Every structure is written in structure tokens, then in C-alpha cells.
């Protein structure tokens, strides 16, 4: 919101400059010529400050479409929380949370930024960026209606490869990213304990009780 307000201020400055060339200011008989350098400056600043919210809005729409596909066409609406939204949310410490009844998914600050960063260089994804991919998949599974966190996470683990491809990641890199999350992040949840243990199940493994035997599962043979 702050970015938009600043953008609107500079947009108003540009409008005032253009209007002044057509309508004489109060107390003047003639309009004032446009100062091109000033107009270029305020127009540039208006566009510059408008870019972050417009980019996030586009990214939210992009994620919403992909999450809906991942959730078996259950409608999903992705929202990237601002810092203020995150501070006010009851789930402040979570990467993201879903209102299952409405299909609305809120990503906490800075998890949308991490997902954007992941998509810029998936071949060099960090642990946190892989976590952001899994958070996207995990919340999409909640949109499908699953409430149990361990089952939801296992469903996500098996679909991270599919999710990465839906987000535009190349096939080989998407498979490697999904396997890296499973072997490096998921399997160590049990040893971490605490809240993390609620997201882990020993049955989430090839041939385990939670294995859905998906044709494009993360651990399926290519």
C-alpha cells in the first residue's frame, strides 16, 4: 500500500505538470510550458514505485492459477502478506497458512520473495528456497481439503516435482529440487522434534502407507 501511495503522489505530480500546460494556473493568464526533465523524473518515479505492488499482484495471480491445478481444480487464491499483515496474523511464525473453507492461501513475509528467488535460479536453490516451493505445494494440498499436517506434508512431498514443473522449472531441475527437499529437509524433521515432528511421518516413503503411487511422484522412477 505504501508503494502505491508514493506512486500515486508522483503520478499526481506528472498530471499537474501536464495539466499546467493546458490550463493556466490561478493568477496567470497563460498556461506554463512543460518542464520535460521534471516530467520525466516524476513519471519515472511513479512507474518505479508502482512496480513492486504490480509485480506481486501478477505473481499472486500466477500462483493462484498453478495452485488451483495442483489442488485438483479446487479454486485457490494466493496472497503475499505484507510485513504488517504478517505481524497481525495469528500464524505469524508459519511460512504460510490456508483458510480451507475459502481456498485462500496467505504467504508470510518474506516467503513469497523466497519463492520468487527460487524461480529465478532453481538450479542453485538454497534450503530456504526449496522450503518455499514445498510451502506452496503444502498449502495447495490444504486447498484440496486435507487438514492433517503430516498427511498434507506427505502429499506435498510427492507433488513437489509436479509443482516445480507447473511453476515453469525445467524437468530435470524440478525432479532434483523435489528429491533434494525430501532427502535433505523432510527426512530430518523427525530428528528435529517439536512442531516439525507434526509434519513428519515414517510412512511417507516409497512403498509406505502414505505413498500414493503417483505416476509423477517425486520418488517415482523417471
Protein backbone atom coordinates (compact mmCIF):
# COMPACT_ATOMS: atom_id res chain seq x y z
CA UNK A 1 0.00 0.00 0.00
CA UNK A 2 2.83 2.43 0.85
CA UNK A 3 4.45 1.83 -2.55
CA UNK A 4 1.16 2.61 -4.31
CA UNK A 5 0.60 5.79 -2.30
CA UNK A 6 4.08 7.04 -3.22
CA UNK A 7 3.48 6.09 -6.86
CA UNK A 8 0.15 7.93 -6.87
CA UNK A 9 1.83 11.02 -5.42
CA UNK A 10 4.38 11.15 -8.23
CA UNK A 11 1.63 10.33 -10.75
CA UNK A 12 -0.31 13.33 -9.46
CA UNK A 13 2.81 15.50 -9.86
CA UNK A 14 3.08 14.37 -13.50
CA UNK A 15 -0.62 15.04 -14.09
CA UNK A 16 -0.32 18.51 -12.55
CA UNK A 17 2.65 19.31 -14.79
CA UNK A 18 0.78 18.21 -17.94
CA UNK A 19 -2.43 19.96 -16.90
CA UNK A 20 -0.47 23.16 -16.31
CA UNK A 21 0.48 23.20 -19.98
CA UNK A 22 -3.21 23.23 -20.96
CA UNK A 23 -4.88 25.20 -18.20
CA UNK A 24 -3.43 28.43 -16.83
CA UNK A 25 -2.70 28.25 -13.09
CA UNK A 26 -4.73 30.56 -10.82
CA UNK A 27 -3.45 34.14 -11.18
CA UNK A 28 -1.79 33.50 -14.57
CA UNK A 29 -3.10 34.49 -17.97
CA UNK A 30 -1.39 31.69 -19.89
CA UNK A 31 -0.54 28.04 -19.24
CA UNK A 32 3.03 27.26 -18.20
CA UNK A 33 5.30 25.26 -20.51
CA UNK A 34 6.08 21.68 -19.52
CA UNK A 35 9.45 21.17 -17.87
CA UNK A 36 10.45 17.99 -19.67
CA UNK A 37 13.16 16.94 -17.23
CA UNK A 38 10.80 17.33 -14.25
CA UNK A 39 8.00 15.45 -16.05
CA UNK A 40 10.37 12.62 -16.97
CA UNK A 41 11.61 12.42 -13.37
CA UNK A 42 8.20 12.25 -11.67
CA UNK A 43 6.83 9.86 -14.32
CA UNK A 44 9.83 7.59 -13.85
CA UNK A 45 9.42 7.65 -10.07
CA UNK A 46 5.70 6.89 -10.38
CA UNK A 47 6.46 3.82 -12.50
CA UNK A 48 9.34 2.77 -10.25
CA UNK A 49 7.24 2.79 -7.08
CA UNK A 50 4.30 1.14 -8.85
CA UNK A 51 6.40 -1.84 -9.97
CA UNK A 52 6.70 -3.77 -6.63
CA UNK A 53 2.92 -4.00 -5.93
CA UNK A 54 2.11 -4.67 -9.59
CA UNK A 55 4.75 -7.40 -9.72
CA UNK A 56 3.42 -9.02 -6.53
CA UNK A 57 -0.15 -8.79 -7.84
CA UNK A 58 0.89 -10.57 -11.04
CA UNK A 59 2.81 -13.19 -9.06
CA UNK A 60 -0.21 -13.83 -6.83
CA UNK A 61 -2.40 -14.39 -9.91
CA UNK A 62 0.25 -16.71 -11.39
CA UNK A 63 0.48 -18.75 -8.18
CA UNK A 64 -3.31 -18.90 -7.79
CA UNK A 65 -3.74 -20.50 -11.23
CA UNK A 66 -0.96 -23.04 -10.59
CA UNK A 67 -2.17 -23.85 -7.08
CA UNK A 68 -5.68 -24.49 -8.44
CA UNK A 69 -4.26 -27.01 -10.91
CA UNK A 70 -2.16 -28.62 -8.19
CA UNK A 71 -5.22 -28.82 -5.91
CA UNK A 72 -7.15 -30.85 -8.50
CA UNK A 73 -9.04 -27.74 -9.65
CA UNK A 74 -10.22 -26.70 -6.20
CA UNK A 75 -10.12 -22.88 -6.51
CA UNK A 76 -7.07 -21.38 -4.80
CA UNK A 77 -6.34 -17.71 -4.11
CA UNK A 78 -2.77 -16.87 -3.16
CA UNK A 79 -1.95 -13.70 -1.25
CA UNK A 80 1.53 -12.47 -0.33
CA UNK A 81 1.30 -10.84 3.10
CA UNK A 82 2.97 -7.52 3.79
CA UNK A 83 5.12 -7.07 6.87
CA UNK A 84 2.13 -5.55 8.67
CA UNK A 85 -0.14 -8.47 7.62
CA UNK A 86 2.45 -10.91 8.95
CA UNK A 87 2.76 -9.13 12.28
CA UNK A 88 -1.02 -9.13 12.76
CA UNK A 89 -1.57 -12.76 11.73
CA UNK A 90 -2.15 -15.40 14.41
CA UNK A 91 0.04 -17.74 12.33
CA UNK A 92 2.91 -15.25 12.34
CA UNK A 93 5.60 -17.92 12.73
CA UNK A 94 4.30 -20.11 9.89
CA UNK A 95 5.65 -19.79 6.35
CA UNK A 96 2.07 -19.81 5.06
CA UNK A 97 -1.44 -20.72 6.15
CA UNK A 98 -4.65 -21.67 4.38
CA UNK A 99 -8.32 -20.96 5.02
CA UNK A 100 -9.58 -24.31 3.76
CA UNK A 101 -13.20 -23.15 3.57
CA UNK A 102 -12.38 -20.37 1.07
CA UNK A 103 -9.23 -21.72 -0.57
CA UNK A 104 -7.31 -18.57 0.40
CA UNK A 105 -3.60 -19.09 1.00
CA UNK A 106 -1.53 -16.42 2.76
CA UNK A 107 2.24 -16.48 2.39
CA UNK A 108 4.02 -14.70 5.22
CA UNK A 109 6.69 -12.12 4.59
CA UNK A 110 9.29 -12.98 3.17
CA UNK A 111 8.20 -16.36 1.79
CA UNK A 112 6.79 -15.02 -1.48
CA UNK A 113 10.14 -13.31 -2.04
CA UNK A 114 11.91 -16.63 -1.43
CA UNK A 115 9.66 -18.38 -3.93
CA UNK A 116 10.37 -15.65 -6.49
CA UNK A 117 14.08 -16.09 -5.81
CA UNK A 118 13.77 -19.87 -6.23
CA UNK A 119 12.13 -19.45 -9.64
CA UNK A 120 14.93 -17.14 -10.76
CA UNK A 121 17.62 -19.78 -10.21
CA UNK A 122 16.10 -23.20 -9.40
CA UNK A 123 19.32 -24.97 -10.33
CA UNK A 124 21.09 -23.22 -7.42
CA UNK A 125 18.19 -23.31 -4.95
CA UNK A 126 19.04 -22.81 -1.28
CA UNK A 127 17.37 -24.76 1.53
CA UNK A 128 15.02 -21.88 2.27
CA UNK A 129 14.07 -21.61 -1.39
CA UNK A 130 13.29 -25.33 -1.50
CA UNK A 131 11.21 -24.79 1.64
CA UNK A 132 9.26 -22.08 -0.19
CA UNK A 133 8.48 -24.49 -3.04
CA UNK A 134 7.25 -27.07 -0.54
CA UNK A 135 5.19 -24.44 1.30
CA UNK A 136 3.43 -23.66 -1.99
CA UNK A 137 2.71 -27.35 -2.59
CA UNK A 138 1.75 -27.98 1.05
CA UNK A 139 -0.81 -25.18 1.15
CA UNK A 140 -2.21 -26.33 -2.20
CA UNK A 141 -2.89 -29.69 -0.56
CA UNK A 142 -4.81 -27.90 2.19
CA UNK A 143 -6.90 -26.25 -0.55
CA UNK A 144 -7.87 -29.78 -1.62
CA UNK A 145 -9.38 -30.18 1.85
CA UNK A 146 -6.71 -32.12 3.77
CA UNK A 147 -6.32 -30.94 7.36
CA UNK A 148 -3.91 -33.41 8.93
CA UNK A 149 -0.48 -31.77 8.73
CA UNK A 150 1.56 -34.97 8.41
CA UNK A 151 -0.66 -36.28 5.60
CA UNK A 152 -0.70 -32.85 3.92
CA UNK A 153 3.09 -32.64 4.01
CA UNK A 154 3.47 -36.14 2.59
CA UNK A 155 1.08 -35.26 -0.23
CA UNK A 156 3.22 -32.18 -0.87
CA UNK A 157 6.47 -34.14 -0.80
CA UNK A 158 5.13 -36.42 -3.53
CA UNK A 159 3.95 -33.45 -5.64
CA UNK A 160 6.87 -31.04 -5.31
CA UNK A 161 8.22 -32.28 -8.65
CA UNK A 162 4.83 -31.62 -10.26
CA UNK A 163 4.58 -28.24 -8.55
CA UNK A 164 8.01 -27.10 -9.73
CA UNK A 165 7.12 -28.02 -13.31
CA UNK A 166 3.81 -26.15 -13.06
CA UNK A 167 5.80 -23.11 -11.94
CA UNK A 168 7.95 -23.34 -15.05
CA UNK A 169 11.04 -25.17 -13.77
CA UNK A 170 12.77 -27.46 -16.27
CA UNK A 171 12.02 -31.16 -15.83
CA UNK A 172 15.43 -32.42 -14.65
CA UNK A 173 15.91 -29.49 -12.26
CA UNK A 174 12.36 -29.86 -10.90
CA UNK A 175 12.97 -33.55 -10.11
CA UNK A 176 16.30 -32.80 -8.44
CA UNK A 177 14.80 -29.99 -6.36
CA UNK A 178 11.94 -32.21 -5.19
CA UNK A 179 14.28 -35.05 -4.26
CA UNK A 180 16.64 -32.64 -2.50
CA UNK A 181 13.77 -31.36 -0.37
CA UNK A 182 12.72 -34.91 0.53
CA UNK A 183 16.21 -36.16 1.39
CA UNK A 184 17.68 -33.01 2.93
CA UNK A 185 14.70 -31.31 4.56
CA UNK A 186 11.82 -33.73 5.06
CA UNK A 187 13.70 -36.75 6.37
CA UNK A 188 15.40 -34.74 9.12
CA UNK A 189 12.10 -33.41 10.52
CA UNK A 190 11.77 -36.43 12.80
CA UNK A 191 15.12 -35.70 14.44
CA UNK A 192 14.31 -32.01 14.93
CA UNK A 193 11.20 -32.76 17.00
CA UNK A 194 8.87 -30.08 18.36
CA UNK A 195 6.43 -28.57 15.86
CA UNK A 196 8.34 -30.10 12.95
CA UNK A 197 7.51 -33.64 14.08
CA UNK A 198 3.80 -32.96 13.49
CA UNK A 199 4.60 -32.62 9.78
CA UNK A 200 6.55 -35.87 9.52
CA UNK A 201 5.50 -39.49 9.17
CA UNK A 202 7.67 -42.59 8.85
CA UNK A 203 5.01 -43.86 6.43
CA UNK A 204 5.86 -41.08 3.99
CA UNK A 205 8.27 -43.08 1.88
CA UNK A 206 8.27 -45.19 -1.29
CA UNK A 207 6.02 -48.15 -0.56
CA UNK A 208 4.84 -46.65 2.76
CA UNK A 209 1.23 -46.35 3.84
CA UNK A 210 1.13 -42.72 2.63
CA UNK A 211 2.66 -43.49 -0.77
CA UNK A 212 0.02 -42.53 -3.36
CA UNK A 213 1.93 -44.25 -6.18
CA UNK A 214 1.58 -41.20 -8.41
CA UNK A 215 2.95 -41.58 -11.92
CA UNK A 216 4.87 -38.31 -11.49
CA UNK A 217 5.69 -38.70 -7.80
CA UNK A 218 8.88 -37.11 -6.56
CA UNK A 219 10.35 -40.54 -5.87
CA UNK A 220 8.94 -42.35 -8.93
CA UNK A 221 11.46 -43.67 -11.41
CA UNK A 222 11.86 -41.25 -14.35
